[in-house]
Amino acid sequence: MAHDKSDDEQALMAGEFSTWIVDMQAAMLGTSGADVPCDGCTACCTSSQFVHISPDETDTLSHVPADLLFPAPRLPSGHVVLGYDERGRCPMLIDNRCSIYEHRPRACRTYDCRVFPAAGVEVDDEQSSIAQRVRRWQFTFPTDADRIEHDAVRAAASFLDDHRDMLRAAGLPVNAKERAVLAVRIYRAFLGCDVANGSVAVVDPDPEVVRAEIEHLTEGSVHRPV
């Protein structure tokens, strides 16, 4: 006899894939924040994550006690990180709610754990709460374009997993989140034309083309710890 799934196992609707990826890219470009249906979930706030804060985030910096901030490793002066307590919880999480929500860091505004199932990337072992949430997300694919874009993102993530040396050479981290996010940023390099059918299809690009795309995306940017 089948058992009903607990609330922690129930599927969560992640939305239509093509719509999600447009919104996710806008968030990564800083033109909007990530619109994640968290519904009270605080997994990302309780998973021992350092939160990067740039010097231009003056509003956030004015709402975080200075003694909770530390210089960000390998980044220019003024870049800081907000750490976590002995339980792995963000110190700004009070009574299970963000105490500075309207003033939260850019990293928090753009964080979207749906990027992991989108890219088919497993969450790092130490972030079990996030992993549990990630397993529940389910995208919908109403059109062929949704499926093709999803396949392209996963092909990009697989490529990055096989070419971690390329990320290191660009000065980028190689952890799960970085690979998943970068896969969303470069997935169009894995789309091409199916000449036989005259339609868009997933392709296997020249590694040098992908390398050039990564260098273009990171040129002149500050590599944030994730």
Protein backbone atom coordinates (compact mmCIF):
# COMPACT_ATOMS: atom_id res chain seq x y z
CA MET A 1 0.00 0.00 0.00
CA ALA A 2 1.44 3.35 -1.04
CA HIS A 3 2.09 5.96 1.64
CA ASP A 4 1.30 9.63 1.20
CA LYS A 5 4.36 11.80 1.01
CA SER A 6 5.14 14.05 3.97
CA ASP A 7 5.08 17.83 3.56
CA ASP A 8 8.89 17.73 3.24
CA GLU A 9 8.61 15.35 0.27
CA GLN A 10 5.77 16.96 -1.66
CA ALA A 11 6.67 18.31 -5.08
CA LEU A 12 7.11 22.06 -5.41
CA MET A 13 6.12 23.77 -8.65
CA ALA A 14 9.19 25.54 -10.04
CA GLY A 15 7.30 27.11 -12.96
CA GLU A 16 7.66 26.93 -16.73
CA PHE A 17 11.31 26.42 -17.57
CA SER A 18 11.63 29.03 -20.33
CA THR A 19 10.02 31.69 -18.15
CA TRP A 20 12.23 30.78 -15.21
CA ILE A 21 15.47 30.99 -17.17
CA VAL A 22 14.63 34.45 -18.52
CA ASP A 23 13.90 35.67 -15.00
CA MET A 24 17.02 33.98 -13.61
CA GLN A 25 19.28 35.62 -16.14
CA ALA A 26 17.74 39.01 -15.35
CA ALA A 27 18.49 38.43 -11.68
CA MET A 28 22.09 37.50 -12.44
CA LEU A 29 22.49 40.67 -14.50
CA GLY A 30 21.16 42.70 -11.58
CA THR A 31 18.13 44.05 -13.46
CA SER A 32 15.75 42.34 -11.04
CA GLY A 33 15.73 40.14 -7.98
CA ALA A 34 15.01 36.43 -7.99
CA ASP A 35 11.31 35.75 -7.43
CA VAL A 36 11.49 32.46 -5.53
CA PRO A 37 8.34 30.93 -3.95
CA CYS A 38 10.12 30.22 -0.66
CA ASP A 39 6.91 29.86 1.41
CA GLY A 40 8.79 30.22 4.67
CA CYS A 41 11.78 28.05 3.71
CA THR A 42 15.05 29.27 5.27
CA ALA A 43 17.36 26.52 4.01
CA CYS A 44 19.74 28.97 2.32
CA CYS A 45 19.90 31.00 5.55
CA THR A 46 20.76 27.99 7.72
CA SER A 47 23.31 26.10 5.60
CA SER A 48 26.64 27.59 6.72
CA GLN A 49 26.91 29.94 3.76
CA PHE A 50 29.09 33.05 3.65
CA VAL A 51 27.22 35.96 2.07
CA HIS A 52 29.24 38.35 -0.06
CA ILE A 53 28.46 42.06 0.23
CA SER A 54 29.99 44.55 -2.23
CA PRO A 55 31.11 48.02 -1.14
CA ASP A 56 28.38 49.63 -3.27
CA GLU A 57 25.68 47.93 -1.15
CA THR A 58 25.63 50.83 1.28
CA ASP A 59 22.06 50.29 2.41
CA THR A 60 22.77 46.67 3.37
CA LEU A 61 26.03 47.61 5.09
CA SER A 62 24.24 50.20 7.20
CA HIS A 63 21.88 47.52 8.53
CA VAL A 64 24.44 44.83 9.38
CA PRO A 65 26.55 45.22 12.55
CA ALA A 66 30.17 45.82 11.58
CA ASP A 67 31.43 43.14 13.96
CA LEU A 68 29.60 40.49 11.86
CA LEU A 69 31.48 41.39 8.70
CA PHE A 70 34.89 40.16 7.59
CA PRO A 71 37.13 41.01 4.61
CA ALA A 72 36.25 38.84 1.62
CA PRO A 73 39.17 36.55 0.71
CA ARG A 74 40.93 37.33 -2.59
CA LEU A 75 38.73 40.35 -3.29
CA PRO A 76 39.59 44.08 -3.28
CA SER A 77 39.35 46.13 -0.11
CA GLY A 78 35.76 46.98 0.81
CA HIS A 79 34.32 43.63 -0.20
CA VAL A 80 33.13 41.75 2.87
CA VAL A 81 31.34 38.56 3.82
CA LEU A 82 28.65 37.99 6.42
CA GLY A 83 29.38 34.75 8.25
CA TYR A 84 27.20 32.33 10.21
CA ASP A 85 26.87 31.17 13.80
CA GLU A 86 27.86 27.85 15.37
CA ARG A 87 24.65 26.27 14.02
CA GLY A 88 25.33 27.43 10.47
CA ARG A 89 22.63 30.09 10.64
CA CYS A 90 22.87 33.63 9.30
CA PRO A 91 23.04 35.97 12.31
CA MET A 92 20.44 38.21 10.69
CA LEU A 93 17.89 35.38 10.84
CA ILE A 94 15.85 36.08 13.95
CA ASP A 95 12.78 34.06 14.96
CA ASN A 96 13.16 32.20 11.67
CA ARG A 97 12.73 35.41 9.65
CA CYS A 98 15.23 37.70 7.97
CA SER A 99 15.51 40.74 10.22
CA ILE A 100 16.83 42.92 7.36
CA TYR A 101 14.73 41.51 4.53
CA GLU A 102 14.05 44.88 2.86
CA HIS A 103 17.79 45.68 3.12
CA ARG A 104 19.22 42.19 2.46
CA PRO A 105 22.42 41.71 0.41
CA ARG A 106 22.35 41.42 -3.35
CA ALA A 107 23.56 37.83 -3.04
CA CYS A 108 20.39 36.99 -1.11
CA ARG A 109 18.16 38.86 -3.54
CA THR A 110 19.47 36.86 -6.49
CA TYR A 111 19.82 33.44 -4.81
CA ASP A 112 17.53 30.81 -6.35
CA CYS A 113 18.02 27.16 -5.41
CA ARG A 114 16.02 26.12 -8.48
CA VAL A 115 19.26 26.61 -10.40
CA PHE A 116 20.46 23.21 -9.10
CA PRO A 117 17.66 21.06 -10.58
CA ALA A 118 17.70 23.24 -13.70
CA ALA A 119 21.35 22.35 -14.29
CA GLY A 120 21.18 18.82 -12.89
CA VAL A 121 23.91 19.67 -10.38
CA GLU A 122 23.98 17.99 -6.98
CA VAL A 123 24.11 20.29 -3.95
CA ASP A 124 27.31 20.13 -1.90
CA ASP A 125 27.09 17.53 0.87
CA GLU A 126 27.28 19.99 3.76
CA GLN A 127 24.13 21.79 2.58
CA SER A 128 21.60 19.06 3.32
CA SER A 129 18.71 21.47 3.98
CA ILE A 130 19.12 23.02 0.55
CA ALA A 131 19.49 19.59 -1.03
CA GLN A 132 16.18 18.49 0.51
CA ARG A 133 14.45 21.54 -0.94
CA VAL A 134 16.09 21.12 -4.33
CA ARG A 135 14.83 17.53 -4.69
CA ARG A 136 11.25 18.78 -4.49
CA TRP A 137 11.36 21.36 -7.30
CA GLN A 138 9.62 20.34 -10.51
CA PHE A 139 9.67 22.47 -13.66
CA THR A 140 7.01 22.26 -16.33
CA PHE A 141 7.81 22.06 -20.05
CA PRO A 142 4.78 23.24 -22.04
CA THR A 143 6.71 23.65 -25.31
CA ASP A 144 9.57 22.01 -27.16
CA ALA A 145 11.60 25.17 -26.48
CA ASP A 146 11.35 24.56 -22.74
CA ARG A 147 12.73 21.05 -23.13
CA ILE A 148 15.53 22.11 -25.47
CA GLU A 149 16.65 24.96 -23.21
CA HIS A 150 16.60 22.64 -20.21
CA ASP A 151 18.73 20.09 -22.08
CA ALA A 152 21.15 22.86 -23.11
CA VAL A 153 21.59 24.06 -19.51
CA ARG A 154 22.28 20.52 -18.37
CA ALA A 155 24.73 19.99 -21.24
CA ALA A 156 26.52 23.18 -20.17
CA ALA A 157 26.69 22.02 -16.56
CA SER A 158 28.07 18.64 -17.62
CA PHE A 159 30.69 20.39 -19.74
CA LEU A 160 31.76 22.57 -16.80
CA ASP A 161 32.00 19.51 -14.57
CA ASP A 162 34.33 17.89 -17.11
CA HIS A 163 36.38 21.09 -17.57
CA ARG A 164 36.88 22.40 -14.05
CA ASP A 165 40.40 23.39 -15.02
CA MET A 166 38.82 25.97 -17.33
CA LEU A 167 37.04 27.57 -14.37
CA ARG A 168 40.20 27.56 -12.27
CA ALA A 169 42.11 29.21 -15.11
CA ALA A 170 39.47 31.97 -15.15
CA GLY A 171 39.87 32.42 -11.40
CA LEU A 172 36.39 31.06 -10.70
CA PRO A 173 35.32 28.64 -7.96
CA VAL A 174 34.40 25.14 -9.08
CA ASN A 175 31.79 24.35 -6.44
CA ALA A 176 28.28 23.16 -7.24
CA LYS A 177 26.60 26.55 -7.06
CA GLU A 178 29.17 28.23 -9.30
CA ARG A 179 28.85 25.53 -11.94
CA ALA A 180 25.05 25.60 -11.88
CA VAL A 181 24.89 29.38 -12.15
CA LEU A 182 27.51 29.53 -14.89
CA ALA A 183 25.66 26.82 -16.84
CA VAL A 184 22.62 29.11 -16.95
CA ARG A 185 24.81 31.98 -18.13
CA ILE A 186 26.48 30.09 -21.00
CA TYR A 187 23.79 27.62 -22.09
CA ARG A 188 23.15 29.40 -25.40
CA ALA A 189 26.60 28.25 -26.52
CA PHE A 190 25.11 24.75 -26.44
CA LEU A 191 22.26 25.61 -28.79
CA GLY A 192 22.54 25.36 -32.55
CA CYS A 193 20.57 24.61 -35.67
CA ASP A 194 19.47 21.13 -36.62
CA VAL A 195 20.00 21.49 -40.35
CA ALA A 196 17.95 18.41 -41.21
CA ASN A 197 14.85 19.69 -39.43
CA GLY A 198 15.52 23.42 -39.55
CA SER A 199 15.02 23.69 -35.80
CA VAL A 200 17.03 24.56 -32.70
CA ALA A 201 18.86 21.67 -31.05
CA VAL A 202 21.45 21.00 -28.37
CA VAL A 203 24.97 20.89 -29.82
CA ASP A 204 28.45 20.00 -28.61
CA PRO A 205 30.39 23.27 -28.98
CA ASP A 206 34.11 23.75 -29.47
CA PRO A 207 35.66 24.03 -25.98
CA GLU A 208 37.50 27.16 -27.11
CA VAL A 209 34.17 28.81 -27.93
CA VAL A 210 32.96 28.04 -24.41
CA ARG A 211 36.24 29.27 -22.92
CA ALA A 212 35.87 32.56 -24.80
CA GLU A 213 32.29 32.92 -23.56
CA ILE A 214 33.37 32.39 -19.95
CA GLU A 215 36.20 34.89 -20.29
CA HIS A 216 33.80 37.41 -21.84
CA LEU A 217 31.33 37.01 -18.98
CA THR A 218 33.99 37.35 -16.28
CA GLU A 219 36.14 40.05 -17.93
CA GLY A 220 36.45 43.03 -15.63
CA SER A 221 34.09 41.52 -13.06
CA VAL A 222 34.80 40.81 -9.42
CA HIS A 223 34.79 37.08 -8.71
CA ARG A 224 32.46 36.68 -5.77
CA PRO A 225 32.85 33.87 -3.29
CA VAL A 226 29.87 31.51 -3.42
